[in-house]
Amino acid sequence: IVFTDGRLADPEALDGLPEGSRVEVIDVGATRDAAVSVL
């Protein structure tokens, strides 16, 4: 059972989790931010 703000670096890793697994996303509200994603 994963509790996260939804901003995982590798969400594809969640594929194939055992039966009964789930992901719960915690709402952290809007954040003003800028990031360099690609160079």
PDB file of all heavy atoms in Angstrom:
ATOM      1  N   ILE A   1       0.874  -1.177   0.000  1.00  0.00           N
ATOM      2  CA  ILE A   1       0.000   0.000   0.000  1.00  0.00           C
ATOM      3  C   ILE A   1       0.909   1.224   0.000  1.00  0.00           C
ATOM      4  O   ILE A   1       1.721   1.397   0.913  1.00  0.00           O
ATOM      5  CB  ILE A   1      -0.938   0.024   1.223  1.00  0.00           C
ATOM      6  CG1 ILE A   1      -1.753  -1.273   1.296  1.00  0.00           C
ATOM      7  CG2 ILE A   1      -1.866   1.231   1.153  1.00  0.00           C
ATOM      8  CD1 ILE A   1      -2.596  -1.382   2.548  1.00  0.00           C
ATOM      9  N   VAL A   2       0.781   2.040  -1.030  1.00  0.00           N
ATOM     10  CA  VAL A   2       1.665   3.196  -1.202  1.00  0.00           C
ATOM     11  C   VAL A   2       0.881   4.472  -0.941  1.00  0.00           C
ATOM     12  O   VAL A   2      -0.182   4.690  -1.538  1.00  0.00           O
ATOM     13  CB  VAL A   2       2.264   3.223  -2.629  1.00  0.00           C
ATOM     14  CG1 VAL A   2       3.197   4.422  -2.777  1.00  0.00           C
ATOM     15  CG2 VAL A   2       2.993   1.936  -2.925  1.00  0.00           C
ATOM     16  N   PHE A   3       1.418   5.324  -0.049  1.00  0.00           N
ATOM     17  CA  PHE A   3       0.853   6.659   0.193  1.00  0.00           C
ATOM     18  C   PHE A   3       1.841   7.663  -0.400  1.00  0.00           C
ATOM     19  O   PHE A   3       3.011   7.700  -0.004  1.00  0.00           O
ATOM     20  CB  PHE A   3       0.648   6.899   1.691  1.00  0.00           C
ATOM     21  CG  PHE A   3      -0.373   5.979   2.306  1.00  0.00           C
ATOM     22  CD1 PHE A   3      -0.001   4.741   2.814  1.00  0.00           C
ATOM     23  CD2 PHE A   3      -1.706   6.347   2.366  1.00  0.00           C
ATOM     24  CE1 PHE A   3      -0.942   3.883   3.374  1.00  0.00           C
ATOM     25  CE2 PHE A   3      -2.652   5.500   2.928  1.00  0.00           C
ATOM     26  CZ  PHE A   3      -2.272   4.267   3.435  1.00  0.00           C
ATOM     27  N   THR A   4       1.374   8.470  -1.341  1.00  0.00           N
ATOM     28  CA  THR A   4       2.271   9.362  -2.077  1.00  0.00           C
ATOM     29  C   THR A   4       1.525  10.608  -2.499  1.00  0.00           C
ATOM     30  O   THR A   4       0.285  10.641  -2.530  1.00  0.00           O
ATOM     31  CB  THR A   4       2.833   8.640  -3.322  1.00  0.00           C
ATOM     32  OG1 THR A   4       3.555   9.573  -4.122  1.00  0.00           O
ATOM     33  CG2 THR A   4       1.715   8.048  -4.179  1.00  0.00           C
ATOM     34  N   ASP A   5       2.274  11.650  -2.818  1.00  0.00           N
ATOM     35  CA  ASP A   5       1.662  12.855  -3.379  1.00  0.00           C
ATOM     36  C   ASP A   5       1.476  12.710  -4.888  1.00  0.00           C
ATOM     37  O   ASP A   5       1.047  13.649  -5.561  1.00  0.00           O
ATOM     38  CB  ASP A   5       2.495  14.094  -3.059  1.00  0.00           C
ATOM     39  CG  ASP A   5       3.901  14.011  -3.627  1.00  0.00           C
ATOM     40  OD1 ASP A   5       4.215  12.996  -4.277  1.00  0.00           O
ATOM     41  OD2 ASP A   5       4.686  14.959  -3.417  1.00  0.00           O
ATOM     42  N   GLY A   6       1.812  11.541  -5.422  1.00  0.00           N
ATOM     43  CA  GLY A   6       1.601  11.289  -6.842  1.00  0.00           C
ATOM     44  C   GLY A   6       2.759  11.691  -7.734  1.00  0.00           C
ATOM     45  O   GLY A   6       2.705  11.505  -8.944  1.00  0.00           O
ATOM     46  N   ARG A   7       3.829  12.201  -7.153  1.00  0.00           N
ATOM     47  CA  ARG A   7       4.938  12.709  -7.962  1.00  0.00           C
ATOM     48  C   ARG A   7       6.111  11.725  -7.921  1.00  0.00           C
ATOM     49  O   ARG A   7       7.230  12.073  -7.565  1.00  0.00           O
ATOM     50  CB  ARG A   7       5.362  14.084  -7.466  1.00  0.00           C
ATOM     51  CG  ARG A   7       4.223  15.101  -7.572  1.00  0.00           C
ATOM     52  CD  ARG A   7       4.498  16.353  -6.789  1.00  0.00           C
ATOM     53  NE  ARG A   7       3.309  17.198  -6.736  1.00  0.00           N
ATOM     54  CZ  ARG A   7       3.232  18.313  -6.048  1.00  0.00           C
ATOM     55  NH1 ARG A   7       4.264  18.715  -5.324  1.00  0.00           N
ATOM     56  NH2 ARG A   7       2.134  19.032  -6.045  1.00  0.00           N
ATOM     57  N   LEU A   8       5.835  10.507  -8.274  1.00  0.00           N
ATOM     58  CA  LEU A   8       6.865   9.474  -8.280  1.00  0.00           C
ATOM     59  C   LEU A   8       7.788   9.654  -9.479  1.00  0.00           C
ATOM     60  O   LEU A   8       7.345  10.010 -10.574  1.00  0.00           O
ATOM     61  CB  LEU A   8       6.235   8.082  -8.331  1.00  0.00           C
ATOM     62  CG  LEU A   8       5.345   7.705  -7.142  1.00  0.00           C
ATOM     63  CD1 LEU A   8       4.695   6.355  -7.384  1.00  0.00           C
ATOM     64  CD2 LEU A   8       6.150   7.692  -5.852  1.00  0.00           C
ATOM     65  N   ALA A   9       9.062   9.377  -9.263  1.00  0.00           N
ATOM     66  CA  ALA A   9      10.024   9.485 -10.352  1.00  0.00           C
ATOM     67  C   ALA A   9       9.906   8.321 -11.321  1.00  0.00           C
ATOM     68  O   ALA A   9      10.261   8.445 -12.484  1.00  0.00           O
ATOM     69  CB  ALA A   9      11.448   9.551  -9.792  1.00  0.00           C
ATOM     70  N   ASP A  10       9.406   7.182 -10.860  1.00  0.00           N
ATOM     71  CA  ASP A  10       9.340   5.974 -11.684  1.00  0.00           C
ATOM     72  C   ASP A  10       8.015   5.244 -11.479  1.00  0.00           C
ATOM     73  O   ASP A  10       7.987   4.112 -10.984  1.00  0.00           O
ATOM     74  CB  ASP A  10      10.515   5.045 -11.370  1.00  0.00           C
ATOM     75  CG  ASP A  10      10.689   4.825  -9.864  1.00  0.00           C
ATOM     76  OD1 ASP A  10       9.898   5.404  -9.092  1.00  0.00           O
ATOM     77  OD2 ASP A  10      11.587   4.072  -9.477  1.00  0.00           O
ATOM     78  N   PRO A  11       6.885   5.866 -11.844  1.00  0.00           N
ATOM     79  CA  PRO A  11       5.584   5.229 -11.588  1.00  0.00           C
ATOM     80  C   PRO A  11       5.417   3.905 -12.324  1.00  0.00           C
ATOM     81  O   PRO A  11       4.622   3.064 -11.912  1.00  0.00           O
ATOM     82  CB  PRO A  11       4.578   6.273 -12.085  1.00  0.00           C
ATOM     83  CG  PRO A  11       5.342   7.125 -13.051  1.00  0.00           C
ATOM     84  CD  PRO A  11       6.738   7.165 -12.531  1.00  0.00           C
ATOM     85  N   GLU A  12       6.176   3.693 -13.429  1.00  0.00           N
ATOM     86  CA  GLU A  12       6.048   2.431 -14.156  1.00  0.00           C
ATOM     87  C   GLU A  12       6.485   1.238 -13.305  1.00  0.00           C
ATOM     88  O   GLU A  12       6.132   0.090 -13.599  1.00  0.00           O
ATOM     89  CB  GLU A  12       6.886   2.479 -15.441  1.00  0.00           C
ATOM     90  CG  GLU A  12       8.399   2.548 -15.252  1.00  0.00           C
ATOM     91  CD  GLU A  12       8.902   3.941 -14.924  1.00  0.00           C
ATOM     92  OE1 GLU A  12       8.076   4.883 -14.916  1.00  0.00           O
ATOM     93  OE2 GLU A  12      10.110   4.093 -14.685  1.00  0.00           O
ATOM     94  N   ALA A  13       7.250   1.501 -12.237  1.00  0.00           N
ATOM     95  CA  ALA A  13       7.692   0.411 -11.368  1.00  0.00           C
ATOM     96  C   ALA A  13       6.529  -0.217 -10.608  1.00  0.00           C
ATOM     97  O   ALA A  13       6.677  -1.307 -10.037  1.00  0.00           O
ATOM     98  CB  ALA A  13       8.742   0.925 -10.383  1.00  0.00           C
ATOM     99  N   LEU A  14       5.386   0.436 -10.585  1.00  0.00           N
ATOM    100  CA  LEU A  14       4.232  -0.103  -9.871  1.00  0.00           C
ATOM    101  C   LEU A  14       3.531  -1.203 -10.652  1.00  0.00           C
ATOM    102  O   LEU A  14       2.681  -1.907 -10.110  1.00  0.00           O
ATOM    103  CB  LEU A  14       3.240   1.024  -9.565  1.00  0.00           C
ATOM    104  CG  LEU A  14       3.748   2.123  -8.613  1.00  0.00           C
ATOM    105  CD1 LEU A  14       2.753   3.257  -8.548  1.00  0.00           C
ATOM    106  CD2 LEU A  14       4.002   1.550  -7.228  1.00  0.00           C
ATOM    107  N   ASP A  15       3.872  -1.357 -11.936  1.00  0.00           N
ATOM    108  CA  ASP A  15       3.252  -2.425 -12.724  1.00  0.00           C
ATOM    109  C   ASP A  15       3.657  -3.784 -12.159  1.00  0.00           C
ATOM    110  O   ASP A  15       4.821  -4.018 -11.849  1.00  0.00           O
ATOM    111  CB  ASP A  15       3.690  -2.335 -14.192  1.00  0.00           C
ATOM    112  CG  ASP A  15       3.197  -1.057 -14.853  1.00  0.00           C
ATOM    113  OD1 ASP A  15       2.247  -0.459 -14.320  1.00  0.00           O
ATOM    114  OD2 ASP A  15       3.763  -0.670 -15.894  1.00  0.00           O
ATOM    115  N   GLY A  16       2.704  -4.670 -12.031  1.00  0.00           N
ATOM    116  CA  GLY A  16       3.004  -6.025 -11.595  1.00  0.00           C
ATOM    117  C   GLY A  16       3.058  -6.219 -10.097  1.00  0.00           C
ATOM    118  O   GLY A  16       3.570  -7.250  -9.623  1.00  0.00           O
ATOM    119  N   LEU A  17       2.563  -5.247  -9.307  1.00  0.00           N
ATOM    120  CA  LEU A  17       2.548  -5.438  -7.859  1.00  0.00           C
ATOM    121  C   LEU A  17       1.629  -6.602  -7.487  1.00  0.00           C
ATOM    122  O   LEU A  17       0.655  -6.902  -8.190  1.00  0.00           O
ATOM    123  CB  LEU A  17       2.064  -4.157  -7.165  1.00  0.00           C
ATOM    124  CG  LEU A  17       3.048  -2.989  -7.112  1.00  0.00           C
ATOM    125  CD1 LEU A  17       2.394  -1.785  -6.443  1.00  0.00           C
ATOM    126  CD2 LEU A  17       4.323  -3.380  -6.362  1.00  0.00           C
ATOM    127  N   PRO A  18       1.904  -7.270  -6.382  1.00  0.00           N
ATOM    128  CA  PRO A  18       1.073  -8.417  -5.976  1.00  0.00           C
ATOM    129  C   PRO A  18      -0.394  -8.028  -5.762  1.00  0.00           C
ATOM    130  O   PRO A  18      -0.721  -6.856  -5.513  1.00  0.00           O
ATOM    131  CB  PRO A  18       1.720  -8.876  -4.665  1.00  0.00           C
ATOM    132  CG  PRO A  18       3.128  -8.367  -4.739  1.00  0.00           C
ATOM    133  CD  PRO A  18       3.057  -7.078  -5.490  1.00  0.00           C
ATOM    134  N   GLU A  19      -1.254  -9.014  -5.850  1.00  0.00           N
ATOM    135  CA  GLU A  19      -2.685  -8.782  -5.645  1.00  0.00           C
ATOM    136  C   GLU A  19      -2.926  -8.214  -4.254  1.00  0.00           C
ATOM    137  O   GLU A  19      -2.310  -8.646  -3.280  1.00  0.00           O
ATOM    138  CB  GLU A  19      -3.447 -10.095  -5.833  1.00  0.00           C
ATOM    139  CG  GLU A  19      -4.954  -9.939  -5.759  1.00  0.00           C
ATOM    140  CD  GLU A  19      -5.682 -11.247  -6.003  1.00  0.00           C
ATOM    141  OE1 GLU A  19      -4.986 -12.238  -6.326  1.00  0.00           O
ATOM    142  OE2 GLU A  19      -6.914 -11.282  -5.875  1.00  0.00           O
ATOM    143  N   GLY A  20      -3.834  -7.241  -4.173  1.00  0.00           N
ATOM    144  CA  GLY A  20      -4.134  -6.580  -2.916  1.00  0.00           C
ATOM    145  C   GLY A  20      -3.391  -5.274  -2.727  1.00  0.00           C
ATOM    146  O   GLY A  20      -3.667  -4.533  -1.784  1.00  0.00           O
ATOM    147  N   SER A  21      -2.474  -4.976  -3.618  1.00  0.00           N
ATOM    148  CA  SER A  21      -1.730  -3.715  -3.530  1.00  0.00           C
ATOM    149  C   SER A  21      -2.607  -2.564  -4.013  1.00  0.00           C
ATOM    150  O   SER A  21      -3.528  -2.746  -4.818  1.00  0.00           O
ATOM    151  CB  SER A  21      -0.457  -3.786  -4.378  1.00  0.00           C
ATOM    152  OG  SER A  21       0.387  -4.838  -3.955  1.00  0.00           O
ATOM    153  N   ARG A  22      -2.324  -1.380  -3.535  1.00  0.00           N
ATOM    154  CA  ARG A  22      -3.043  -0.195  -4.002  1.00  0.00           C
ATOM    155  C   ARG A  22      -2.186   1.045  -3.759  1.00  0.00           C
ATOM    156  O   ARG A  22      -1.218   1.014  -2.993  1.00  0.00           O
ATOM    157  CB  ARG A  22      -4.392  -0.055  -3.314  1.00  0.00           C
ATOM    158  CG  ARG A  22      -4.349   0.303  -1.850  1.00  0.00           C
ATOM    159  CD  ARG A  22      -5.765   0.459  -1.283  1.00  0.00           C
ATOM    160  NE  ARG A  22      -5.784   1.017   0.064  1.00  0.00           N
ATOM    161  CZ  ARG A  22      -5.728   0.287   1.171  1.00  0.00           C
ATOM    162  NH1 ARG A  22      -5.655  -1.047   1.084  1.00  0.00           N
ATOM    163  NH2 ARG A  22      -5.751   0.884   2.359  1.00  0.00           N
ATOM    164  N   VAL A  23      -2.543   2.120  -4.455  1.00  0.00           N
ATOM    165  CA  VAL A  23      -1.835   3.399  -4.324  1.00  0.00           C
ATOM    166  C   VAL A  23      -2.850   4.452  -3.903  1.00  0.00           C
ATOM    167  O   VAL A  23      -3.904   4.596  -4.535  1.00  0.00           O
ATOM    168  CB  VAL A  23      -1.165   3.811  -5.646  1.00  0.00           C
ATOM    169  CG1 VAL A  23      -0.493   5.174  -5.502  1.00  0.00           C
ATOM    170  CG2 VAL A  23      -0.146   2.769  -6.089  1.00  0.00           C
ATOM    171  N   GLU A  24      -2.554   5.155  -2.816  1.00  0.00           N
ATOM    172  CA  GLU A  24      -3.413   6.237  -2.359  1.00  0.00           C
ATOM    173  C   GLU A  24      -2.655   7.556  -2.491  1.00  0.00           C
ATOM    174  O   GLU A  24      -1.550   7.703  -1.963  1.00  0.00           O
ATOM    175  CB  GLU A  24      -3.844   6.008  -0.900  1.00  0.00           C
ATOM    176  CG  GLU A  24      -4.697   4.760  -0.720  1.00  0.00           C
ATOM    177  CD  GLU A  24      -5.383   4.720   0.635  1.00  0.00           C
ATOM    178  OE1 GLU A  24      -5.346   5.767   1.338  1.00  0.00           O
ATOM    179  OE2 GLU A  24      -5.946   3.664   0.982  1.00  0.00           O
ATOM    180  N   VAL A  25      -3.269   8.484  -3.212  1.00  0.00           N
ATOM    181  CA  VAL A  25      -2.630   9.767  -3.485  1.00  0.00           C
ATOM    182  C   VAL A  25      -3.125  10.797  -2.473  1.00  0.00           C
ATOM    183  O   VAL A  25      -4.335  10.996  -2.314  1.00  0.00           O
ATOM    184  CB  VAL A  25      -2.923  10.236  -4.922  1.00  0.00           C
ATOM    185  CG1 VAL A  25      -2.286  11.598  -5.168  1.00  0.00           C
ATOM    186  CG2 VAL A  25      -2.414   9.212  -5.920  1.00  0.00           C
ATOM    187  N   ILE A  26      -2.194  11.428  -1.776  1.00  0.00           N
ATOM    188  CA  ILE A  26      -2.506  12.455  -0.781  1.00  0.00           C
ATOM    189  C   ILE A  26      -2.494  13.824  -1.460  1.00  0.00           C
ATOM    190  O   ILE A  26      -1.507  14.189  -2.133  1.00  0.00           O
ATOM    191  CB  ILE A  26      -1.471  12.443   0.359  1.00  0.00           C
ATOM    192  CG1 ILE A  26      -1.391  11.052   0.990  1.00  0.00           C
ATOM    193  CG2 ILE A  26      -1.805  13.502   1.391  1.00  0.00           C
ATOM    194  CD1 ILE A  26      -2.655  10.584   1.625  1.00  0.00           C
ATOM    195  N   ASP A  27      -3.568  14.551  -1.337  1.00  0.00           N
ATOM    196  CA  ASP A  27      -3.658  15.883  -1.936  1.00  0.00           C
ATOM    197  C   ASP A  27      -2.851  16.867  -1.098  1.00  0.00           C
ATOM    198  O   ASP A  27      -3.161  17.091   0.074  1.00  0.00           O
ATOM    199  CB  ASP A  27      -5.123  16.318  -2.020  1.00  0.00           C
ATOM    200  CG  ASP A  27      -5.282  17.669  -2.718  1.00  0.00           C
ATOM    201  OD1 ASP A  27      -4.282  18.133  -3.315  1.00  0.00           O
ATOM    202  OD2 ASP A  27      -6.378  18.242  -2.674  1.00  0.00           O
ATOM    203  N   VAL A  28      -1.817  17.440  -1.691  1.00  0.00           N
ATOM    204  CA  VAL A  28      -0.985  18.389  -0.953  1.00  0.00           C
ATOM    205  C   VAL A  28      -1.273  19.835  -1.359  1.00  0.00           C
ATOM    206  O   VAL A  28      -0.560  20.747  -0.962  1.00  0.00           O
ATOM    207  CB  VAL A  28       0.512  18.081  -1.180  1.00  0.00           C
ATOM    208  CG1 VAL A  28       0.843  16.714  -0.621  1.00  0.00           C
ATOM    209  CG2 VAL A  28       0.865  18.146  -2.662  1.00  0.00           C
ATOM    210  N   GLY A  29      -2.310  20.014  -2.205  1.00  0.00           N
ATOM    211  CA  GLY A  29      -2.652  21.369  -2.608  1.00  0.00           C
ATOM    212  C   GLY A  29      -1.757  21.870  -3.734  1.00  0.00           C
ATOM    213  O   GLY A  29      -0.778  21.241  -4.126  1.00  0.00           O
ATOM    214  N   ALA A  30      -2.115  23.025  -4.253  1.00  0.00           N
ATOM    215  CA  ALA A  30      -1.365  23.607  -5.371  1.00  0.00           C
ATOM    216  C   ALA A  30      -0.057  24.218  -4.867  1.00  0.00           C
ATOM    217  O   ALA A  30      -0.023  24.869  -3.819  1.00  0.00           O
ATOM    218  CB  ALA A  30      -2.213  24.656  -6.074  1.00  0.00           C
ATOM    219  N   THR A  31       1.003  24.003  -5.621  1.00  0.00           N
ATOM    220  CA  THR A  31       2.316  24.535  -5.272  1.00  0.00           C
ATOM    221  C   THR A  31       2.887  25.309  -6.455  1.00  0.00           C
ATOM    222  O   THR A  31       2.928  24.799  -7.581  1.00  0.00           O
ATOM    223  CB  THR A  31       3.291  23.390  -4.919  1.00  0.00           C
ATOM    224  OG1 THR A  31       2.745  22.629  -3.849  1.00  0.00           O
ATOM    225  CG2 THR A  31       4.652  23.941  -4.524  1.00  0.00           C
ATOM    226  N   ARG A  32       3.308  26.542  -6.181  1.00  0.00           N
ATOM    227  CA  ARG A  32       3.956  27.321  -7.242  1.00  0.00           C
ATOM    228  C   ARG A  32       5.431  26.926  -7.279  1.00  0.00           C
ATOM    229  O   ARG A  32       6.164  27.124  -6.315  1.00  0.00           O
ATOM    230  CB  ARG A  32       3.810  28.824  -6.986  1.00  0.00           C
ATOM    231  CG  ARG A  32       2.388  29.324  -7.180  1.00  0.00           C
ATOM    232  CD  ARG A  32       2.287  30.841  -7.072  1.00  0.00           C
ATOM    233  NE  ARG A  32       3.020  31.542  -8.109  1.00  0.00           N
ATOM    234  CZ  ARG A  32       2.588  31.734  -9.358  1.00  0.00           C
ATOM    235  NH1 ARG A  32       1.425  31.208  -9.735  1.00  0.00           N
ATOM    236  NH2 ARG A  32       3.296  32.399 -10.227  1.00  0.00           N
ATOM    237  N   ASP A  33       5.797  26.364  -8.405  1.00  0.00           N
ATOM    238  CA  ASP A  33       7.155  25.849  -8.518  1.00  0.00           C
ATOM    239  C   ASP A  33       7.523  25.749  -9.988  1.00  0.00           C
ATOM    240  O   ASP A  33       6.648  25.591 -10.850  1.00  0.00           O
ATOM    241  CB  ASP A  33       7.254  24.469  -7.851  1.00  0.00           C
ATOM    242  CG  ASP A  33       8.673  23.931  -7.852  1.00  0.00           C
ATOM    243  OD1 ASP A  33       9.599  24.733  -7.641  1.00  0.00           O
ATOM    244  OD2 ASP A  33       8.848  22.725  -8.068  1.00  0.00           O
ATOM    245  N   ALA A  34       8.786  25.849 -10.274  1.00  0.00           N
ATOM    246  CA  ALA A  34       9.307  25.630 -11.629  1.00  0.00           C
ATOM    247  C   ALA A  34      10.510  24.709 -11.523  1.00  0.00           C
ATOM    248  O   ALA A  34      11.271  24.781 -10.553  1.00  0.00           O
ATOM    249  CB  ALA A  34       9.700  26.950 -12.296  1.00  0.00           C
ATOM    250  N   ALA A  35      10.662  23.840 -12.493  1.00  0.00           N
ATOM    251  CA  ALA A  35      11.754  22.875 -12.470  1.00  0.00           C
ATOM    252  C   ALA A  35      12.343  22.733 -13.860  1.00  0.00           C
ATOM    253  O   ALA A  35      11.657  22.915 -14.872  1.00  0.00           O
ATOM    254  CB  ALA A  35      11.255  21.519 -11.980  1.00  0.00           C
ATOM    255  N   VAL A  36      13.628  22.402 -13.916  1.00  0.00           N
ATOM    256  CA  VAL A  36      14.279  22.053 -15.179  1.00  0.00           C
ATOM    257  C   VAL A  36      14.127  20.545 -15.336  1.00  0.00           C
ATOM    258  O   VAL A  36      14.747  19.772 -14.610  1.00  0.00           O
ATOM    259  CB  VAL A  36      15.765  22.448 -15.181  1.00  0.00           C
ATOM    260  CG1 VAL A  36      16.392  22.124 -16.535  1.00  0.00           C
ATOM    261  CG2 VAL A  36      15.936  23.922 -14.864  1.00  0.00           C
ATOM    262  N   SER A  37      13.283  20.124 -16.275  1.00  0.00           N
ATOM    263  CA  SER A  37      12.999  18.698 -16.407  1.00  0.00           C
ATOM    264  C   SER A  37      13.916  18.007 -17.405  1.00  0.00           C
ATOM    265  O   SER A  37      14.245  16.837 -17.238  1.00  0.00           O
ATOM    266  CB  SER A  37      11.541  18.484 -16.825  1.00  0.00           C
ATOM    267  OG  SER A  37      11.316  19.029 -18.120  1.00  0.00           O
ATOM    268  N   VAL A  38      14.338  18.699 -18.444  1.00  0.00           N
ATOM    269  CA  VAL A  38      15.151  18.085 -19.499  1.00  0.00           C
ATOM    270  C   VAL A  38      16.236  19.054 -19.929  1.00  0.00           C
ATOM    271  O   VAL A  38      16.001  20.257 -20.032  1.00  0.00           O
ATOM    272  CB  VAL A  38      14.299  17.690 -20.730  1.00  0.00           C
ATOM    273  CG1 VAL A  38      15.169  17.082 -21.828  1.00  0.00           C
ATOM    274  CG2 VAL A  38      13.196  16.713 -20.340  1.00  0.00           C
ATOM    275  N   LEU A  39      17.432  18.525 -20.163  1.00  0.00           N
ATOM    276  CA  LEU A  39      18.535  19.299 -20.741  1.00  0.00           C
ATOM    277  C   LEU A  39      19.090  18.505 -21.911  1.00  0.00           C
ATOM    278  O   LEU A  39      19.567  17.380 -21.738  1.00  0.00           O
ATOM    279  CB  LEU A  39      19.628  19.564 -19.706  1.00  0.00           C
ATOM    280  CG  LEU A  39      20.903  20.242 -20.228  1.00  0.00           C
ATOM    281  CD1 LEU A  39      20.576  21.589 -20.868  1.00  0.00           C
ATOM    282  CD2 LEU A  39      21.925  20.408 -19.109  1.00  0.00           C
TER     283      LEU A  39
END
